[in-house]
Amino acid sequence: MADFAYPRTITSTTTGTLDGNNSWVTFLNSGAGACTITFDGTLNSFSLPSNNSLTLPNIGRPYGDISFNATGTTLVIIYMA
């Protein structure tokens, strides 16, 4: 029987890391403040403002693992493993 992929969801108000071996990821900042997202492979980071979202396809190859700091806000992460 095939192993079917399905979307998974994480809700965070702290810091964490998402494995870079995922098909795609959507970050949704639903809290009051901005959150910081850092691509560990390149150390590039950006600030995702409140009430904004970002979807990234094929995150594993170019970016590696992704760290996030959602302290002071609520970050919802939807991803496909």
PDB file of N, CA and C in Angstrom:
ATOM      1  N   MET A   1       0.842  -1.170   0.000  1.00  0.00           N
ATOM      2  CA  MET A   1       0.000   0.000   0.000  1.00  0.00           C
ATOM      3  C   MET A   1       0.891   1.238   0.000  1.00  0.00           C
ATOM      4  N   ALA A   2       0.524   2.210  -0.794  1.00  0.00           N
ATOM      5  CA  ALA A   2       1.315   3.443  -0.916  1.00  0.00           C
ATOM      6  C   ALA A   2       1.211   4.286   0.348  1.00  0.00           C
ATOM      7  N   ASP A   3       2.280   5.008   0.626  1.00  0.00           N
ATOM      8  CA  ASP A   3       2.302   5.938   1.755  1.00  0.00           C
ATOM      9  C   ASP A   3       1.907   7.309   1.219  1.00  0.00           C
ATOM     10  N   PHE A   4       0.673   7.732   1.482  1.00  0.00           N
ATOM     11  CA  PHE A   4       0.169   8.986   0.954  1.00  0.00           C
ATOM     12  C   PHE A   4       0.585  10.150   1.834  1.00  0.00           C
ATOM     13  N   ALA A   5       1.056  11.205   1.196  1.00  0.00           N
ATOM     14  CA  ALA A   5       1.419  12.422   1.923  1.00  0.00           C
ATOM     15  C   ALA A   5       0.157  13.230   2.182  1.00  0.00           C
ATOM     16  N   TYR A   6       0.136  13.928   3.282  1.00  0.00           N
ATOM     17  CA  TYR A   6      -0.995  14.779   3.614  1.00  0.00           C
ATOM     18  C   TYR A   6      -0.479  15.988   4.378  1.00  0.00           C
ATOM     19  N   PRO A   7      -1.191  17.094   4.309  1.00  0.00           N
ATOM     20  CA  PRO A   7      -0.734  18.299   5.012  1.00  0.00           C
ATOM     21  C   PRO A   7      -0.725  18.108   6.520  1.00  0.00           C
ATOM     22  N   ARG A   8       0.264  18.701   7.157  1.00  0.00           N
ATOM     23  CA  ARG A   8       0.384  18.688   8.612  1.00  0.00           C
ATOM     24  C   ARG A   8       0.387  20.137   9.083  1.00  0.00           C
ATOM     25  N   THR A   9      -0.012  20.353  10.326  1.00  0.00           N
ATOM     26  CA  THR A   9      -0.111  21.709  10.854  1.00  0.00           C
ATOM     27  C   THR A   9       0.606  21.809  12.188  1.00  0.00           C
ATOM     28  N   ILE A  10       1.348  22.897  12.376  1.00  0.00           N
ATOM     29  CA  ILE A  10       1.985  23.243  13.644  1.00  0.00           C
ATOM     30  C   ILE A  10       1.506  24.645  13.999  1.00  0.00           C
ATOM     31  N   THR A  11       1.145  24.868  15.250  1.00  0.00           N
ATOM     32  CA  THR A  11       0.857  26.214  15.735  1.00  0.00           C
ATOM     33  C   THR A  11       1.865  26.522  16.825  1.00  0.00           C
ATOM     34  N   SER A  12       2.559  27.648  16.704  1.00  0.00           N
ATOM     35  CA  SER A  12       3.628  27.966  17.637  1.00  0.00           C
ATOM     36  C   SER A  12       3.543  29.404  18.123  1.00  0.00           C
ATOM     37  N   THR A  13       3.900  29.595  19.379  1.00  0.00           N
ATOM     38  CA  THR A  13       4.060  30.935  19.943  1.00  0.00           C
ATOM     39  C   THR A  13       5.466  31.085  20.515  1.00  0.00           C
ATOM     40  N   THR A  14       6.360  30.168  20.139  1.00  0.00           N
ATOM     41  CA  THR A  14       7.746  30.202  20.622  1.00  0.00           C
ATOM     42  C   THR A  14       8.691  30.044  19.435  1.00  0.00           C
ATOM     43  N   THR A  15       9.829  29.400  19.657  1.00  0.00           N
ATOM     44  CA  THR A  15      10.794  29.152  18.588  1.00  0.00           C
ATOM     45  C   THR A  15      10.758  27.685  18.200  1.00  0.00           C
ATOM     46  N   GLY A  16      11.270  27.379  17.011  1.00  0.00           N
ATOM     47  CA  GLY A  16      11.319  25.994  16.575  1.00  0.00           C
ATOM     48  C   GLY A  16      12.007  25.863  15.242  1.00  0.00           C
ATOM     49  N   THR A  17      12.091  24.620  14.774  1.00  0.00           N
ATOM     50  CA  THR A  17      12.722  24.320  13.493  1.00  0.00           C
ATOM     51  C   THR A  17      11.842  23.356  12.720  1.00  0.00           C
ATOM     52  N   LEU A  18      11.703  23.614  11.435  1.00  0.00           N
ATOM     53  CA  LEU A  18      10.960  22.744  10.536  1.00  0.00           C
ATOM     54  C   LEU A  18      11.956  22.055   9.617  1.00  0.00           C
ATOM     55  N   ASP A  19      11.864  20.737   9.520  1.00  0.00           N
ATOM     56  CA  ASP A  19      12.741  19.957   8.660  1.00  0.00           C
ATOM     57  C   ASP A  19      12.601  20.441   7.217  1.00  0.00           C
ATOM     58  N   GLY A  20      13.724  20.616   6.546  1.00  0.00           N
ATOM     59  CA  GLY A  20      13.715  21.122   5.181  1.00  0.00           C
ATOM     60  C   GLY A  20      13.304  20.115   4.131  1.00  0.00           C
ATOM     61  N   ASN A  21      13.088  18.865   4.513  1.00  0.00           N
ATOM     62  CA  ASN A  21      12.728  17.834   3.542  1.00  0.00           C
ATOM     63  C   ASN A  21      11.218  17.750   3.348  1.00  0.00           C
ATOM     64  N   ASN A  22      10.601  18.848   3.009  1.00  0.00           N
ATOM     65  CA  ASN A  22       9.164  18.904   2.787  1.00  0.00           C
ATOM     66  C   ASN A  22       8.886  19.423   1.386  1.00  0.00           C
ATOM     67  N   SER A  23       7.725  19.061   0.844  1.00  0.00           N
ATOM     68  CA  SER A  23       7.367  19.479  -0.510  1.00  0.00           C
ATOM     69  C   SER A  23       7.081  20.965  -0.588  1.00  0.00           C
ATOM     70  N   TRP A  24       6.334  21.476   0.376  1.00  0.00           N
ATOM     71  CA  TRP A  24       5.996  22.902   0.414  1.00  0.00           C
ATOM     72  C   TRP A  24       5.627  23.270   1.833  1.00  0.00           C
ATOM     73  N   VAL A  25       5.628  24.562   2.100  1.00  0.00           N
ATOM     74  CA  VAL A  25       5.246  25.044   3.428  1.00  0.00           C
ATOM     75  C   VAL A  25       4.532  26.384   3.275  1.00  0.00           C
ATOM     76  N   THR A  26       3.532  26.610   4.106  1.00  0.00           N
ATOM     77  CA  THR A  26       2.859  27.901   4.198  1.00  0.00           C
ATOM     78  C   THR A  26       2.994  28.403   5.623  1.00  0.00           C
ATOM     79  N   PHE A  27       3.479  29.619   5.775  1.00  0.00           N
ATOM     80  CA  PHE A  27       3.565  30.283   7.076  1.00  0.00           C
ATOM     81  C   PHE A  27       2.430  31.293   7.145  1.00  0.00           C
ATOM     82  N   LEU A  28       1.640  31.244   8.200  1.00  0.00           N
ATOM     83  CA  LEU A  28       0.544  32.185   8.405  1.00  0.00           C
ATOM     84  C   LEU A  28       0.726  32.829   9.771  1.00  0.00           C
ATOM     85  N   ASN A  29       1.000  34.125   9.773  1.00  0.00           N
ATOM     86  CA  ASN A  29       1.170  34.852  11.030  1.00  0.00           C
ATOM     87  C   ASN A  29      -0.185  35.428  11.416  1.00  0.00           C
ATOM     88  N   SER A  30      -0.831  34.804  12.384  1.00  0.00           N
ATOM     89  CA  SER A  30      -2.174  35.225  12.778  1.00  0.00           C
ATOM     90  C   SER A  30      -2.179  35.987  14.094  1.00  0.00           C
ATOM     91  N   GLY A  31      -1.000  36.324  14.598  1.00  0.00           N
ATOM     92  CA  GLY A  31      -0.911  37.028  15.874  1.00  0.00           C
ATOM     93  C   GLY A  31      -0.734  38.522  15.710  1.00  0.00           C
ATOM     94  N   ALA A  32      -0.420  39.171  16.827  1.00  0.00           N
ATOM     95  CA  ALA A  32      -0.333  40.636  16.860  1.00  0.00           C
ATOM     96  C   ALA A  32       1.014  41.177  16.404  1.00  0.00           C
ATOM     97  N   GLY A  33       2.074  40.387  16.497  1.00  0.00           N
ATOM     98  CA  GLY A  33       3.407  40.886  16.162  1.00  0.00           C
ATOM     99  C   GLY A  33       3.998  40.170  14.967  1.00  0.00           C
ATOM    100  N   ALA A  34       5.171  40.618  14.550  1.00  0.00           N
ATOM    101  CA  ALA A  34       5.890  39.980  13.448  1.00  0.00           C
ATOM    102  C   ALA A  34       6.631  38.752  13.965  1.00  0.00           C
ATOM    103  N   CYS A  35       6.942  37.832  13.068  1.00  0.00           N
ATOM    104  CA  CYS A  35       7.776  36.686  13.429  1.00  0.00           C
ATOM    105  C   CYS A  35       8.946  36.625  12.447  1.00  0.00           C
ATOM    106  N   THR A  36      10.022  36.003  12.883  1.00  0.00           N
ATOM    107  CA  THR A  36      11.226  35.892  12.069  1.00  0.00           C
ATOM    108  C   THR A  36      11.364  34.464  11.566  1.00  0.00           C
ATOM    109  N   ILE A  37      11.639  34.321  10.278  1.00  0.00           N
ATOM    110  CA  ILE A  37      11.843  33.016   9.663  1.00  0.00           C
ATOM    111  C   ILE A  37      13.238  33.021   9.055  1.00  0.00           C
ATOM    112  N   THR A  38      14.040  32.000   9.397  1.00  0.00           N
ATOM    113  CA  THR A  38      15.430  31.918   8.946  1.00  0.00           C
ATOM    114  C   THR A  38      15.646  30.614   8.197  1.00  0.00           C
ATOM    115  N   PHE A  39      16.261  30.701   7.025  1.00  0.00           N
ATOM    116  CA  PHE A  39      16.629  29.519   6.258  1.00  0.00           C
ATOM    117  C   PHE A  39      18.021  29.092   6.711  1.00  0.00           C
ATOM    118  N   ASP A  40      18.106  27.956   7.409  1.00  0.00           N
ATOM    119  CA  ASP A  40      19.357  27.540   8.027  1.00  0.00           C
ATOM    120  C   ASP A  40      20.463  27.268   7.018  1.00  0.00           C
ATOM    121  N   GLY A  41      20.108  26.813   5.817  1.00  0.00           N
ATOM    122  CA  GLY A  41      21.113  26.508   4.808  1.00  0.00           C
ATOM    123  C   GLY A  41      21.841  27.736   4.297  1.00  0.00           C
ATOM    124  N   THR A  42      21.160  28.876   4.244  1.00  0.00           N
ATOM    125  CA  THR A  42      21.753  30.105   3.715  1.00  0.00           C
ATOM    126  C   THR A  42      21.902  31.196   4.771  1.00  0.00           C
ATOM    127  N   LEU A  43      21.267  31.001   5.922  1.00  0.00           N
ATOM    128  CA  LEU A  43      21.221  31.980   7.017  1.00  0.00           C
ATOM    129  C   LEU A  43      20.512  33.267   6.616  1.00  0.00           C
ATOM    130  N   ASN A  44      19.784  33.238   5.500  1.00  0.00           N
ATOM    131  CA  ASN A  44      18.936  34.373   5.137  1.00  0.00           C
ATOM    132  C   ASN A  44      17.688  34.337   6.004  1.00  0.00           C
ATOM    133  N   SER A  45      17.222  35.503   6.414  1.00  0.00           N
ATOM    134  CA  SER A  45      16.018  35.542   7.238  1.00  0.00           C
ATOM    135  C   SER A  45      15.132  36.698   6.795  1.00  0.00           C
ATOM    136  N   PHE A  46      13.880  36.636   7.191  1.00  0.00           N
ATOM    137  CA  PHE A  46      12.956  37.722   6.909  1.00  0.00           C
ATOM    138  C   PHE A  46      11.930  37.793   8.025  1.00  0.00           C
ATOM    139  N   SER A  47      11.278  38.927   8.103  1.00  0.00           N
ATOM    140  CA  SER A  47      10.241  39.155   9.097  1.00  0.00           C
ATOM    141  C   SER A  47       8.884  39.062   8.410  1.00  0.00           C
ATOM    142  N   LEU A  48       8.018  38.205   8.937  1.00  0.00           N
ATOM    143  CA  LEU A  48       6.671  38.058   8.396  1.00  0.00           C
ATOM    144  C   LEU A  48       5.722  38.876   9.261  1.00  0.00           C
ATOM    145  N   PRO A  49       5.154  39.957   8.714  1.00  0.00           N
ATOM    146  CA  PRO A  49       4.282  40.827   9.502  1.00  0.00           C
ATOM    147  C   PRO A  49       2.997  40.124   9.938  1.00  0.00           C
ATOM    148  N   SER A  50       2.341  40.712  10.908  1.00  0.00           N
ATOM    149  CA  SER A  50       1.066  40.198  11.405  1.00  0.00           C
ATOM    150  C   SER A  50       0.031  40.142  10.282  1.00  0.00           C
ATOM    151  N   ASN A  51      -0.806  39.110  10.331  1.00  0.00           N
ATOM    152  CA  ASN A  51      -1.892  38.915   9.361  1.00  0.00           C
ATOM    153  C   ASN A  51      -1.402  38.782   7.924  1.00  0.00           C
ATOM    154  N   ASN A  52      -0.231  38.175   7.747  1.00  0.00           N
ATOM    155  CA  ASN A  52       0.315  37.898   6.419  1.00  0.00           C
ATOM    156  C   ASN A  52       0.679  36.429   6.331  1.00  0.00           C
ATOM    157  N   SER A  53       0.778  35.936   5.101  1.00  0.00           N
ATOM    158  CA  SER A  53       1.173  34.547   4.892  1.00  0.00           C
ATOM    159  C   SER A  53       2.187  34.471   3.757  1.00  0.00           C
ATOM    160  N   LEU A  54       2.903  33.356   3.721  1.00  0.00           N
ATOM    161  CA  LEU A  54       3.896  33.115   2.680  1.00  0.00           C
ATOM    162  C   LEU A  54       3.900  31.624   2.388  1.00  0.00           C
ATOM    163  N   THR A  55       3.831  31.252   1.105  1.00  0.00           N
ATOM    164  CA  THR A  55       3.907  29.855   0.700  1.00  0.00           C
ATOM    165  C   THR A  55       5.180  29.654  -0.108  1.00  0.00           C
ATOM    166  N   LEU A  56       5.934  28.611   0.253  1.00  0.00           N
ATOM    167  CA  LEU A  56       7.183  28.289  -0.438  1.00  0.00           C
ATOM    168  C   LEU A  56       7.106  26.861  -0.976  1.00  0.00           C
ATOM    169  N   PRO A  57       7.254  26.662  -2.293  1.00  0.00           N
ATOM    170  CA  PRO A  57       7.305  25.311  -2.841  1.00  0.00           C
ATOM    171  C   PRO A  57       8.724  24.764  -2.778  1.00  0.00           C
ATOM    172  N   ASN A  58       8.859  23.463  -2.766  1.00  0.00           N
ATOM    173  CA  ASN A  58      10.173  22.802  -2.855  1.00  0.00           C
ATOM    174  C   ASN A  58      11.187  23.377  -1.879  1.00  0.00           C
ATOM    175  N   ILE A  59      10.843  23.412  -0.595  1.00  0.00           N
ATOM    176  CA  ILE A  59      11.706  24.107   0.355  1.00  0.00           C
ATOM    177  C   ILE A  59      12.996  23.379   0.677  1.00  0.00           C
ATOM    178  N   GLY A  60      13.048  22.062   0.538  1.00  0.00           N
ATOM    179  CA  GLY A  60      14.204  21.302   0.994  1.00  0.00           C
ATOM    180  C   GLY A  60      15.498  21.602   0.274  1.00  0.00           C
ATOM    181  N   ARG A  61      15.475  21.615  -1.035  1.00  0.00           N
ATOM    182  CA  ARG A  61      16.721  21.754  -1.784  1.00  0.00           C
ATOM    183  C   ARG A  61      17.384  23.120  -1.647  1.00  0.00           C
ATOM    184  N   PRO A  62      16.693  24.213  -1.906  1.00  0.00           N
ATOM    185  CA  PRO A  62      17.425  25.484  -1.855  1.00  0.00           C
ATOM    186  C   PRO A  62      17.631  26.041  -0.455  1.00  0.00           C
ATOM    187  N   TYR A  63      16.770  25.678   0.507  1.00  0.00           N
ATOM    188  CA  TYR A  63      16.783  26.382   1.780  1.00  0.00           C
ATOM    189  C   TYR A  63      17.291  25.567   2.962  1.00  0.00           C
ATOM    190  N   GLY A  64      17.181  24.267   2.935  1.00  0.00           N
ATOM    191  CA  GLY A  64      17.525  23.448   4.089  1.00  0.00           C
ATOM    192  C   GLY A  64      16.465  23.592   5.172  1.00  0.00           C
ATOM    193  N   ASP A  65      16.840  23.304   6.411  1.00  0.00           N
ATOM    194  CA  ASP A  65      15.899  23.441   7.519  1.00  0.00           C
ATOM    195  C   ASP A  65      15.504  24.903   7.697  1.00  0.00           C
ATOM    196  N   ILE A  66      14.333  25.122   8.277  1.00  0.00           N
ATOM    197  CA  ILE A  66      13.831  26.474   8.490  1.00  0.00           C
ATOM    198  C   ILE A  66      13.569  26.671   9.975  1.00  0.00           C
ATOM    199  N   SER A  67      14.192  27.691  10.554  1.00  0.00           N
ATOM    200  CA  SER A  67      13.964  28.046  11.953  1.00  0.00           C
ATOM    201  C   SER A  67      12.989  29.207  12.010  1.00  0.00           C
ATOM    202  N   PHE A  68      12.203  29.247  13.079  1.00  0.00           N
ATOM    203  CA  PHE A  68      11.253  30.347  13.227  1.00  0.00           C
ATOM    204  C   PHE A  68      11.234  30.821  14.671  1.00  0.00           C
ATOM    205  N   ASN A  69      10.952  32.105  14.824  1.00  0.00           N
ATOM    206  CA  ASN A  69      10.801  32.714  16.142  1.00  0.00           C
ATOM    207  C   ASN A  69       9.462  33.435  16.156  1.00  0.00           C
ATOM    208  N   ALA A  70       8.494  32.818  16.822  1.00  0.00           N
ATOM    209  CA  ALA A  70       7.140  33.365  16.884  1.00  0.00           C
ATOM    210  C   ALA A  70       6.828  33.915  18.270  1.00  0.00           C
ATOM    211  N   THR A  71       7.864  34.256  19.031  1.00  0.00           N
ATOM    212  CA  THR A  71       7.655  34.803  20.364  1.00  0.00           C
ATOM    213  C   THR A  71       6.891  36.119  20.256  1.00  0.00           C
ATOM    214  N   GLY A  72       5.774  36.230  20.956  1.00  0.00           N
ATOM    215  CA  GLY A  72       4.971  37.444  20.924  1.00  0.00           C
ATOM    216  C   GLY A  72       3.901  37.463  19.853  1.00  0.00           C
ATOM    217  N   THR A  73       3.769  36.376  19.108  1.00  0.00           N
ATOM    218  CA  THR A  73       2.742  36.287  18.072  1.00  0.00           C
ATOM    219  C   THR A  73       2.298  34.836  17.951  1.00  0.00           C
ATOM    220  N   THR A  74       1.469  34.533  16.986  1.00  0.00           N
ATOM    221  CA  THR A  74       1.033  33.156  16.738  1.00  0.00           C
ATOM    222  C   THR A  74       1.323  32.816  15.286  1.00  0.00           C
ATOM    223  N   LEU A  75       2.164  31.819  15.075  1.00  0.00           N
ATOM    224  CA  LEU A  75       2.545  31.387  13.735  1.00  0.00           C
ATOM    225  C   LEU A  75       1.923  30.025  13.472  1.00  0.00           C
ATOM    226  N   VAL A  76       1.162  29.926  12.393  1.00  0.00           N
ATOM    227  CA  VAL A  76       0.600  28.650  11.968  1.00  0.00           C
ATOM    228  C   VAL A  76       1.407  28.193  10.761  1.00  0.00           C
ATOM    229  N   ILE A  77       1.905  26.967  10.820  1.00  0.00           N
ATOM    230  CA  ILE A  77       2.715  26.408   9.740  1.00  0.00           C
ATOM    231  C   ILE A  77       1.966  25.206   9.175  1.00  0.00           C
ATOM    232  N   ILE A  78       1.680  25.255   7.885  1.00  0.00           N
ATOM    233  CA  ILE A  78       1.039  24.140   7.198  1.00  0.00           C
ATOM    234  C   ILE A  78       2.062  23.624   6.196  1.00  0.00           C
ATOM    235  N   TYR A  79       2.362  22.320   6.246  1.00  0.00           N
ATOM    236  CA  TYR A  79       3.399  21.797   5.364  1.00  0.00           C
ATOM    237  C   TYR A  79       3.041  20.402   4.885  1.00  0.00           C
ATOM    238  N   MET A  80       3.653  20.021   3.765  1.00  0.00           N
ATOM    239  CA  MET A  80       3.469  18.698   3.191  1.00  0.00           C
ATOM    240  C   MET A  80       4.788  17.962   3.298  1.00  0.00           C
ATOM    241  N   ALA A  81       4.772  16.857   4.024  1.00  0.00           N
ATOM    242  CA  ALA A  81       5.997  16.079   4.226  1.00  0.00           C
ATOM    243  C   ALA A  81       6.282  15.213   3.018  1.00  0.00           C
TER     244      ALA A  81
END
